[in-house]
Amino acid sequence: MKIGEKVWHDSTNDKLIVQKIHDLNPELQRAEMLRKAGCGQTGESRLVGTIPLTLIAEWCKEAGVKWDDIEARKEVVKRKMLSGEFDKFRVWQGRY
């Protein structure tokens, strides 16, 4: 959830900088509730996690992947989710 935005001009590099501030706690709480309820952990289709779109966009930007390249975006998300760094967003803890 976006909670703020700051905009300023960097005169040394002659750039306009937009800093967006997000609160990811609602998504973390949602993942925790889904984990406790056992949702998405049975059957053939699994709910791996719940990730905010802003975080996915940031991951794609870091990896140099365009948003409309769906297969590359899937790989970026899979790599990040399996890295262990973002375990709090995971619902199902298995490998896929």
PDB file of N, CA and C in Angstrom:
ATOM      1  N   MET A   1       0.846  -1.157   0.000  1.00  0.00           N
ATOM      2  CA  MET A   1       0.000   0.000   0.000  1.00  0.00           C
ATOM      3  C   MET A   1       0.904   1.235   0.000  1.00  0.00           C
ATOM      4  N   LYS A   2       0.650   2.124  -0.935  1.00  0.00           N
ATOM      5  CA  LYS A   2       1.440   3.350  -1.038  1.00  0.00           C
ATOM      6  C   LYS A   2       1.006   4.316   0.052  1.00  0.00           C
ATOM      7  N   ILE A   3       1.976   4.798   0.828  1.00  0.00           N
ATOM      8  CA  ILE A   3       1.638   5.709   1.916  1.00  0.00           C
ATOM      9  C   ILE A   3       2.218   7.105   1.729  1.00  0.00           C
ATOM     10  N   GLY A   4       3.083   7.276   0.740  1.00  0.00           N
ATOM     11  CA  GLY A   4       3.657   8.594   0.523  1.00  0.00           C
ATOM     12  C   GLY A   4       4.490   8.664  -0.731  1.00  0.00           C
ATOM     13  N   GLU A   5       4.784   9.916  -1.108  1.00  0.00           N
ATOM     14  CA  GLU A   5       5.602  10.137  -2.281  1.00  0.00           C
ATOM     15  C   GLU A   5       6.315  11.476  -2.128  1.00  0.00           C
ATOM     16  N   LYS A   6       7.602  11.485  -2.413  1.00  0.00           N
ATOM     17  CA  LYS A   6       8.390  12.713  -2.360  1.00  0.00           C
ATOM     18  C   LYS A   6       8.995  12.942  -3.745  1.00  0.00           C
ATOM     19  N   VAL A   7       8.947  14.179  -4.188  1.00  0.00           N
ATOM     20  CA  VAL A   7       9.494  14.540  -5.489  1.00  0.00           C
ATOM     21  C   VAL A   7      10.459  15.702  -5.296  1.00  0.00           C
ATOM     22  N   TRP A   8      11.662  15.593  -5.872  1.00  0.00           N
ATOM     23  CA  TRP A   8      12.605  16.693  -5.812  1.00  0.00           C
ATOM     24  C   TRP A   8      13.514  16.659  -7.031  1.00  0.00           C
ATOM     25  N   HIS A   9      14.194  17.766  -7.264  1.00  0.00           N
ATOM     26  CA  HIS A   9      15.101  17.897  -8.401  1.00  0.00           C
ATOM     27  C   HIS A   9      16.536  17.802  -7.895  1.00  0.00           C
ATOM     28  N   ASP A  10      17.310  16.923  -8.495  1.00  0.00           N
ATOM     29  CA  ASP A  10      18.727  16.782  -8.179  1.00  0.00           C
ATOM     30  C   ASP A  10      19.498  17.631  -9.181  1.00  0.00           C
ATOM     31  N   SER A  11      19.980  18.782  -8.730  1.00  0.00           N
ATOM     32  CA  SER A  11      20.630  19.722  -9.643  1.00  0.00           C
ATOM     33  C   SER A  11      22.012  19.245 -10.090  1.00  0.00           C
ATOM     34  N   THR A  12      22.668  18.397  -9.313  1.00  0.00           N
ATOM     35  CA  THR A  12      23.999  17.921  -9.722  1.00  0.00           C
ATOM     36  C   THR A  12      23.925  16.998 -10.928  1.00  0.00           C
ATOM     37  N   ASN A  13      22.882  16.161 -10.994  1.00  0.00           N
ATOM     38  CA  ASN A  13      22.712  15.245 -12.127  1.00  0.00           C
ATOM     39  C   ASN A  13      21.618  15.696 -13.080  1.00  0.00           C
ATOM     40  N   ASP A  14      20.963  16.818 -12.748  1.00  0.00           N
ATOM     41  CA  ASP A  14      19.859  17.367 -13.533  1.00  0.00           C
ATOM     42  C   ASP A  14      18.779  16.301 -13.775  1.00  0.00           C
ATOM     43  N   LYS A  15      18.329  15.688 -12.674  1.00  0.00           N
ATOM     44  CA  LYS A  15      17.300  14.656 -12.737  1.00  0.00           C
ATOM     45  C   LYS A  15      16.162  14.991 -11.781  1.00  0.00           C
ATOM     46  N   LEU A  16      14.976  14.558 -12.144  1.00  0.00           N
ATOM     47  CA  LEU A  16      13.820  14.641 -11.273  1.00  0.00           C
ATOM     48  C   LEU A  16      13.708  13.304 -10.556  1.00  0.00           C
ATOM     49  N   ILE A  17      13.698  13.300  -9.240  1.00  0.00           N
ATOM     50  CA  ILE A  17      13.672  12.073  -8.454  1.00  0.00           C
ATOM     51  C   ILE A  17      12.313  11.945  -7.778  1.00  0.00           C
ATOM     52  N   VAL A  18      11.694  10.781  -7.954  1.00  0.00           N
ATOM     53  CA  VAL A  18      10.416  10.477  -7.321  1.00  0.00           C
ATOM     54  C   VAL A  18      10.645   9.306  -6.383  1.00  0.00           C
ATOM     55  N   GLN A  19      10.469   9.553  -5.088  1.00  0.00           N
ATOM     56  CA  GLN A  19      10.641   8.509  -4.085  1.00  0.00           C
ATOM     57  C   GLN A  19       9.252   8.110  -3.587  1.00  0.00           C
ATOM     58  N   LYS A  20       8.892   6.851  -3.817  1.00  0.00           N
ATOM     59  CA  LYS A  20       7.595   6.341  -3.378  1.00  0.00           C
ATOM     60  C   LYS A  20       7.800   5.520  -2.115  1.00  0.00           C
ATOM     61  N   ILE A  21       6.927   5.717  -1.149  1.00  0.00           N
ATOM     62  CA  ILE A  21       7.030   5.021   0.133  1.00  0.00           C
ATOM     63  C   ILE A  21       5.836   4.076   0.251  1.00  0.00           C
ATOM     64  N   HIS A  22       6.137   2.798   0.489  1.00  0.00           N
ATOM     65  CA  HIS A  22       5.089   1.770   0.570  1.00  0.00           C
ATOM     66  C   HIS A  22       5.131   1.082   1.932  1.00  0.00           C
ATOM     67  N   ASP A  23       3.955   0.677   2.385  1.00  0.00           N
ATOM     68  CA  ASP A  23       3.841  -0.115   3.602  1.00  0.00           C
ATOM     69  C   ASP A  23       3.449  -1.527   3.177  1.00  0.00           C
ATOM     70  N   LEU A  24       4.345  -2.483   3.376  1.00  0.00           N
ATOM     71  CA  LEU A  24       4.095  -3.860   2.947  1.00  0.00           C
ATOM     72  C   LEU A  24       3.499  -4.717   4.061  1.00  0.00           C
ATOM     73  N   ASN A  25       3.276  -4.149   5.228  1.00  0.00           N
ATOM     74  CA  ASN A  25       2.727  -4.909   6.351  1.00  0.00           C
ATOM     75  C   ASN A  25       1.383  -5.563   6.055  1.00  0.00           C
ATOM     76  N   PRO A  26       0.437  -4.908   5.346  1.00  0.00           N
ATOM     77  CA  PRO A  26      -0.822  -5.611   5.040  1.00  0.00           C
ATOM     78  C   PRO A  26      -0.605  -6.893   4.231  1.00  0.00           C
ATOM     79  N   GLU A  27       0.334  -6.882   3.287  1.00  0.00           N
ATOM     80  CA  GLU A  27       0.620  -8.086   2.502  1.00  0.00           C
ATOM     81  C   GLU A  27       1.282  -9.164   3.354  1.00  0.00           C
ATOM     82  N   LEU A  28       2.160  -8.754   4.247  1.00  0.00           N
ATOM     83  CA  LEU A  28       2.808  -9.722   5.141  1.00  0.00           C
ATOM     84  C   LEU A  28       1.783 -10.357   6.072  1.00  0.00           C
ATOM     85  N   GLN A  29       0.853  -9.555   6.580  1.00  0.00           N
ATOM     86  CA  GLN A  29      -0.197 -10.084   7.455  1.00  0.00           C
ATOM     87  C   GLN A  29      -1.126 -11.013   6.684  1.00  0.00           C
ATOM     88  N   ARG A  30      -1.423 -10.657   5.431  1.00  0.00           N
ATOM     89  CA  ARG A  30      -2.285 -11.510   4.597  1.00  0.00           C
ATOM     90  C   ARG A  30      -1.626 -12.867   4.370  1.00  0.00           C
ATOM     91  N   ALA A  31      -0.337 -12.868   4.065  1.00  0.00           N
ATOM     92  CA  ALA A  31       0.384 -14.132   3.855  1.00  0.00           C
ATOM     93  C   ALA A  31       0.390 -14.966   5.126  1.00  0.00           C
ATOM     94  N   GLU A  32       0.586 -14.323   6.267  1.00  0.00           N
ATOM     95  CA  GLU A  32       0.588 -15.035   7.550  1.00  0.00           C
ATOM     96  C   GLU A  32      -0.777 -15.663   7.834  1.00  0.00           C
ATOM     97  N   MET A  33      -1.856 -14.923   7.575  1.00  0.00           N
ATOM     98  CA  MET A  33      -3.211 -15.464   7.803  1.00  0.00           C
ATOM     99  C   MET A  33      -3.493 -16.639   6.876  1.00  0.00           C
ATOM    100  N   LEU A  34      -3.066 -16.536   5.603  1.00  0.00           N
ATOM    101  CA  LEU A  34      -3.274 -17.632   4.657  1.00  0.00           C
ATOM    102  C   LEU A  34      -2.473 -18.865   5.065  1.00  0.00           C
ATOM    103  N   ARG A  35      -1.251 -18.650   5.546  1.00  0.00           N
ATOM    104  CA  ARG A  35      -0.418 -19.770   6.023  1.00  0.00           C
ATOM    105  C   ARG A  35      -1.079 -20.472   7.201  1.00  0.00           C
ATOM    106  N   LYS A  36      -1.549 -19.691   8.172  1.00  0.00           N
ATOM    107  CA  LYS A  36      -2.178 -20.267   9.365  1.00  0.00           C
ATOM    108  C   LYS A  36      -3.467 -21.008   9.029  1.00  0.00           C
ATOM    109  N   ALA A  37      -4.202 -20.503   8.038  1.00  0.00           N
ATOM    110  CA  ALA A  37      -5.465 -21.136   7.651  1.00  0.00           C
ATOM    111  C   ALA A  37      -5.248 -22.360   6.771  1.00  0.00           C
ATOM    112  N   GLY A  38      -4.030 -22.556   6.266  1.00  0.00           N
ATOM    113  CA  GLY A  38      -3.734 -23.708   5.419  1.00  0.00           C
ATOM    114  C   GLY A  38      -4.249 -23.552   4.008  1.00  0.00           C
ATOM    115  N   CYS A  39      -4.536 -22.335   3.584  1.00  0.00           N
ATOM    116  CA  CYS A  39      -5.066 -22.092   2.238  1.00  0.00           C
ATOM    117  C   CYS A  39      -3.991 -22.313   1.183  1.00  0.00           C
ATOM    118  N   GLY A  40      -4.399 -22.887   0.070  1.00  0.00           N
ATOM    119  CA  GLY A  40      -3.510 -23.044  -1.074  1.00  0.00           C
ATOM    120  C   GLY A  40      -2.392 -24.038  -0.896  1.00  0.00           C
ATOM    121  N   GLN A  41      -2.478 -24.917   0.093  1.00  0.00           N
ATOM    122  CA  GLN A  41      -1.386 -25.835   0.354  1.00  0.00           C
ATOM    123  C   GLN A  41      -1.729 -27.281   0.026  1.00  0.00           C
ATOM    124  N   THR A  42      -2.895 -27.509  -0.549  1.00  0.00           N
ATOM    125  CA  THR A  42      -3.284 -28.862  -0.917  1.00  0.00           C
ATOM    126  C   THR A  42      -3.682 -28.887  -2.389  1.00  0.00           C
ATOM    127  N   GLY A  43      -3.719 -30.065  -2.949  1.00  0.00           N
ATOM    128  CA  GLY A  43      -4.119 -30.211  -4.339  1.00  0.00           C
ATOM    129  C   GLY A  43      -2.974 -29.997  -5.302  1.00  0.00           C
ATOM    130  N   GLU A  44      -3.321 -29.959  -6.581  1.00  0.00           N
ATOM    131  CA  GLU A  44      -2.313 -29.830  -7.624  1.00  0.00           C
ATOM    132  C   GLU A  44      -1.829 -28.393  -7.785  1.00  0.00           C
ATOM    133  N   SER A  45      -2.702 -27.417  -7.618  1.00  0.00           N
ATOM    134  CA  SER A  45      -2.328 -26.005  -7.711  1.00  0.00           C
ATOM    135  C   SER A  45      -2.018 -25.474  -6.323  1.00  0.00           C
ATOM    136  N   ARG A  46      -0.880 -24.806  -6.179  1.00  0.00           N
ATOM    137  CA  ARG A  46      -0.450 -24.302  -4.874  1.00  0.00           C
ATOM    138  C   ARG A  46      -0.363 -22.786  -4.903  1.00  0.00           C
ATOM    139  N   LEU A  47      -0.719 -22.165  -3.796  1.00  0.00           N
ATOM    140  CA  LEU A  47      -0.548 -20.732  -3.623  1.00  0.00           C
ATOM    141  C   LEU A  47       0.834 -20.531  -3.019  1.00  0.00           C
ATOM    142  N   VAL A  48       1.778 -20.137  -3.847  1.00  0.00           N
ATOM    143  CA  VAL A  48       3.163 -20.002  -3.402  1.00  0.00           C
ATOM    144  C   VAL A  48       3.307 -18.801  -2.483  1.00  0.00           C
ATOM    145  N   GLY A  49       2.682 -17.693  -2.830  1.00  0.00           N
ATOM    146  CA  GLY A  49       2.815 -16.503  -2.001  1.00  0.00           C
ATOM    147  C   GLY A  49       1.929 -15.377  -2.479  1.00  0.00           C
ATOM    148  N   THR A  50       1.934 -14.307  -1.720  1.00  0.00           N
ATOM    149  CA  THR A  50       1.196 -13.105  -2.069  1.00  0.00           C
ATOM    150  C   THR A  50       2.198 -11.957  -2.107  1.00  0.00           C
ATOM    151  N   ILE A  51       2.389 -11.393  -3.295  1.00  0.00           N
ATOM    152  CA  ILE A  51       3.427 -10.387  -3.506  1.00  0.00           C
ATOM    153  C   ILE A  51       2.794  -9.119  -4.066  1.00  0.00           C
ATOM    154  N   PRO A  52       3.075  -7.969  -3.475  1.00  0.00           N
ATOM    155  CA  PRO A  52       2.536  -6.717  -4.020  1.00  0.00           C
ATOM    156  C   PRO A  52       3.147  -6.408  -5.391  1.00  0.00           C
ATOM    157  N   LEU A  53       2.344  -5.836  -6.277  1.00  0.00           N
ATOM    158  CA  LEU A  53       2.810  -5.532  -7.623  1.00  0.00           C
ATOM    159  C   LEU A  53       3.976  -4.543  -7.618  1.00  0.00           C
ATOM    160  N   THR A  54       3.992  -3.648  -6.655  1.00  0.00           N
ATOM    161  CA  THR A  54       5.103  -2.691  -6.591  1.00  0.00           C
ATOM    162  C   THR A  54       6.428  -3.402  -6.358  1.00  0.00           C
ATOM    163  N   LEU A  55       6.401  -4.469  -5.571  1.00  0.00           N
ATOM    164  CA  LEU A  55       7.614  -5.240  -5.306  1.00  0.00           C
ATOM    165  C   LEU A  55       8.039  -6.020  -6.556  1.00  0.00           C
ATOM    166  N   ILE A  56       7.079  -6.581  -7.267  1.00  0.00           N
ATOM    167  CA  ILE A  56       7.399  -7.299  -8.508  1.00  0.00           C
ATOM    168  C   ILE A  56       7.987  -6.334  -9.532  1.00  0.00           C
ATOM    169  N   ALA A  57       7.417  -5.136  -9.628  1.00  0.00           N
ATOM    170  CA  ALA A  57       7.940  -4.134 -10.561  1.00  0.00           C
ATOM    171  C   ALA A  57       9.373  -3.758 -10.206  1.00  0.00           C
ATOM    172  N   GLU A  58       9.665  -3.644  -8.912  1.00  0.00           N
ATOM    173  CA  GLU A  58      11.020  -3.315  -8.464  1.00  0.00           C
ATOM    174  C   GLU A  58      11.989  -4.454  -8.792  1.00  0.00           C
ATOM    175  N   TRP A  59      11.561  -5.697  -8.581  1.00  0.00           N
ATOM    176  CA  TRP A  59      12.394  -6.856  -8.906  1.00  0.00           C
ATOM    177  C   TRP A  59      12.713  -6.883 -10.401  1.00  0.00           C
ATOM    178  N   CYS A  60      11.702  -6.615 -11.233  1.00  0.00           N
ATOM    179  CA  CYS A  60      11.908  -6.623 -12.684  1.00  0.00           C
ATOM    180  C   CYS A  60      12.871  -5.514 -13.096  1.00  0.00           C
ATOM    181  N   LYS A  61      12.749  -4.355 -12.472  1.00  0.00           N
ATOM    182  CA  LYS A  61      13.641  -3.248 -12.798  1.00  0.00           C
ATOM    183  C   LYS A  61      15.075  -3.595 -12.415  1.00  0.00           C
ATOM    184  N   GLU A  62      15.267  -4.239 -11.250  1.00  0.00           N
ATOM    185  CA  GLU A  62      16.602  -4.653 -10.814  1.00  0.00           C
ATOM    186  C   GLU A  62      17.210  -5.669 -11.784  1.00  0.00           C
ATOM    187  N   ALA A  63      16.371  -6.573 -12.306  1.00  0.00           N
ATOM    188  CA  ALA A  63      16.854  -7.629 -13.185  1.00  0.00           C
ATOM    189  C   ALA A  63      16.941  -7.181 -14.648  1.00  0.00           C
ATOM    190  N   GLY A  64      16.438  -5.987 -14.946  1.00  0.00           N
ATOM    191  CA  GLY A  64      16.453  -5.498 -16.328  1.00  0.00           C
ATOM    192  C   GLY A  64      15.426  -6.176 -17.208  1.00  0.00           C
ATOM    193  N   VAL A  65      14.320  -6.610 -16.607  1.00  0.00           N
ATOM    194  CA  VAL A  65      13.265  -7.315 -17.339  1.00  0.00           C
ATOM    195  C   VAL A  65      12.112  -6.351 -17.583  1.00  0.00           C
ATOM    196  N   LYS A  66      11.614  -6.340 -18.822  1.00  0.00           N
ATOM    197  CA  LYS A  66      10.462  -5.499 -19.146  1.00  0.00           C
ATOM    198  C   LYS A  66       9.199  -6.121 -18.572  1.00  0.00           C
ATOM    199  N   TRP A  67       8.257  -5.274 -18.189  1.00  0.00           N
ATOM    200  CA  TRP A  67       7.028  -5.735 -17.561  1.00  0.00           C
ATOM    201  C   TRP A  67       6.224  -6.638 -18.481  1.00  0.00           C
ATOM    202  N   ASP A  68       6.235  -6.391 -19.774  1.00  0.00           N
ATOM    203  CA  ASP A  68       5.420  -7.192 -20.694  1.00  0.00           C
ATOM    204  C   ASP A  68       6.075  -8.512 -21.106  1.00  0.00           C
ATOM    205  N   ASP A  69       7.285  -8.790 -20.661  1.00  0.00           N
ATOM    206  CA  ASP A  69       7.942 -10.075 -20.909  1.00  0.00           C
ATOM    207  C   ASP A  69       7.531 -11.038 -19.790  1.00  0.00           C
ATOM    208  N   ILE A  70       6.420 -11.701 -19.983  1.00  0.00           N
ATOM    209  CA  ILE A  70       5.787 -12.492 -18.927  1.00  0.00           C
ATOM    210  C   ILE A  70       6.655 -13.663 -18.475  1.00  0.00           C
ATOM    211  N   GLU A  71       7.258 -14.366 -19.407  1.00  0.00           N
ATOM    212  CA  GLU A  71       8.087 -15.526 -19.042  1.00  0.00           C
ATOM    213  C   GLU A  71       9.298 -15.104 -18.214  1.00  0.00           C
ATOM    214  N   ALA A  72       9.940 -14.009 -18.610  1.00  0.00           N
ATOM    215  CA  ALA A  72      11.091 -13.518 -17.841  1.00  0.00           C
ATOM    216  C   ALA A  72      10.644 -13.023 -16.469  1.00  0.00           C
ATOM    217  N   ARG A  73       9.485 -12.391 -16.414  1.00  0.00           N
ATOM    218  CA  ARG A  73       8.944 -11.920 -15.135  1.00  0.00           C
ATOM    219  C   ARG A  73       8.653 -13.096 -14.202  1.00  0.00           C
ATOM    220  N   LYS A  74       8.130 -14.187 -14.746  1.00  0.00           N
ATOM    221  CA  LYS A  74       7.882 -15.387 -13.946  1.00  0.00           C
ATOM    222  C   LYS A  74       9.181 -15.920 -13.345  1.00  0.00           C
ATOM    223  N   GLU A  75      10.224 -15.930 -14.138  1.00  0.00           N
ATOM    224  CA  GLU A  75      11.521 -16.421 -13.663  1.00  0.00           C
ATOM    225  C   GLU A  75      12.093 -15.523 -12.563  1.00  0.00           C
ATOM    226  N   VAL A  76      11.924 -14.216 -12.710  1.00  0.00           N
ATOM    227  CA  VAL A  76      12.404 -13.285 -11.683  1.00  0.00           C
ATOM    228  C   VAL A  76      11.677 -13.531 -10.366  1.00  0.00           C
ATOM    229  N   VAL A  77      10.352 -13.666 -10.432  1.00  0.00           N
ATOM    230  CA  VAL A  77       9.556 -13.910  -9.226  1.00  0.00           C
ATOM    231  C   VAL A  77       9.930 -15.251  -8.610  1.00  0.00           C
ATOM    232  N   LYS A  78      10.079 -16.272  -9.433  1.00  0.00           N
ATOM    233  CA  LYS A  78      10.435 -17.597  -8.920  1.00  0.00           C
ATOM    234  C   LYS A  78      11.786 -17.564  -8.224  1.00  0.00           C
ATOM    235  N   ARG A  79      12.766 -16.919  -8.848  1.00  0.00           N
ATOM    236  CA  ARG A  79      14.105 -16.831  -8.256  1.00  0.00           C
ATOM    237  C   ARG A  79      14.072 -16.086  -6.918  1.00  0.00           C
ATOM    238  N   LYS A  80      13.319 -15.003  -6.854  1.00  0.00           N
ATOM    239  CA  LYS A  80      13.239 -14.217  -5.614  1.00  0.00           C
ATOM    240  C   LYS A  80      12.505 -14.997  -4.520  1.00  0.00           C
ATOM    241  N   MET A  81      11.428 -15.681  -4.883  1.00  0.00           N
ATOM    242  CA  MET A  81      10.647 -16.411  -3.883  1.00  0.00           C
ATOM    243  C   MET A  81      11.409 -17.615  -3.341  1.00  0.00           C
ATOM    244  N   LEU A  82      12.216 -18.254  -4.170  1.00  0.00           N
ATOM    245  CA  LEU A  82      12.967 -19.418  -3.728  1.00  0.00           C
ATOM    246  C   LEU A  82      14.289 -19.047  -3.053  1.00  0.00           C
ATOM    247  N   SER A  83      14.665 -17.767  -3.104  1.00  0.00           N
ATOM    248  CA  SER A  83      15.947 -17.338  -2.522  1.00  0.00           C
ATOM    249  C   SER A  83      15.953 -17.394  -1.000  1.00  0.00           C
ATOM    250  N   GLY A  84      14.787 -17.344  -0.389  1.00  0.00           N
ATOM    251  CA  GLY A  84      14.713 -17.350   1.070  1.00  0.00           C
ATOM    252  C   GLY A  84      14.692 -15.962   1.667  1.00  0.00           C
ATOM    253  N   GLU A  85      15.005 -14.963   0.862  1.00  0.00           N
ATOM    254  CA  GLU A  85      15.034 -13.586   1.345  1.00  0.00           C
ATOM    255  C   GLU A  85      13.622 -13.034   1.578  1.00  0.00           C
ATOM    256  N   PHE A  86      12.639 -13.575   0.870  1.00  0.00           N
ATOM    257  CA  PHE A  86      11.280 -13.071   0.940  1.00  0.00           C
ATOM    258  C   PHE A  86      10.317 -14.129   1.472  1.00  0.00           C
ATOM    259  N   ASP A  87      10.771 -14.931   2.436  1.00  0.00           N
ATOM    260  CA  ASP A  87       9.960 -16.008   3.006  1.00  0.00           C
ATOM    261  C   ASP A  87       8.681 -15.526   3.665  1.00  0.00           C
ATOM    262  N   LYS A  88       8.658 -14.321   4.144  1.00  0.00           N
ATOM    263  CA  LYS A  88       7.466 -13.821   4.829  1.00  0.00           C
ATOM    264  C   LYS A  88       6.298 -13.625   3.873  1.00  0.00           C
ATOM    265  N   PHE A  89       6.564 -13.535   2.579  1.00  0.00           N
ATOM    266  CA  PHE A  89       5.495 -13.429   1.584  1.00  0.00           C
ATOM    267  C   PHE A  89       5.007 -14.802   1.125  1.00  0.00           C
ATOM    268  N   ARG A  90       5.711 -15.869   1.532  1.00  0.00           N
ATOM    269  CA  ARG A  90       5.357 -17.221   1.095  1.00  0.00           C
ATOM    270  C   ARG A  90       4.166 -17.756   1.884  1.00  0.00           C
ATOM    271  N   VAL A  91       3.313 -18.484   1.196  1.00  0.00           N
ATOM    272  CA  VAL A  91       2.212 -19.193   1.840  1.00  0.00           C
ATOM    273  C   VAL A  91       2.555 -20.676   1.884  1.00  0.00           C
ATOM    274  N   TRP A  92       2.899 -21.233   0.745  1.00  0.00           N
ATOM    275  CA  TRP A  92       3.320 -22.631   0.645  1.00  0.00           C
ATOM    276  C   TRP A  92       4.836 -22.661   0.631  1.00  0.00           C
ATOM    277  N   GLN A  93       5.459 -23.461   1.477  1.00  0.00           N
ATOM    278  CA  GLN A  93       6.908 -23.443   1.647  1.00  0.00           C
ATOM    279  C   GLN A  93       7.648 -24.457   0.780  1.00  0.00           C
ATOM    280  N   GLY A  94       6.936 -25.162  -0.088  1.00  0.00           N
ATOM    281  CA  GLY A  94       7.584 -26.156  -0.953  1.00  0.00           C
ATOM    282  C   GLY A  94       8.329 -25.534  -2.109  1.00  0.00           C
ATOM    283  N   ARG A  95       8.983 -26.386  -2.901  1.00  0.00           N
ATOM    284  CA  ARG A  95       9.712 -25.924  -4.092  1.00  0.00           C
ATOM    285  C   ARG A  95       8.833 -26.152  -5.315  1.00  0.00           C
ATOM    286  N   TYR A  96       8.975 -25.283  -6.273  1.00  0.00           N
ATOM    287  CA  TYR A  96       8.202 -25.414  -7.513  1.00  0.00           C
ATOM    288  C   TYR A  96       9.064 -25.148  -8.710  1.00  0.00           C
TER     289      TYR A  96
END
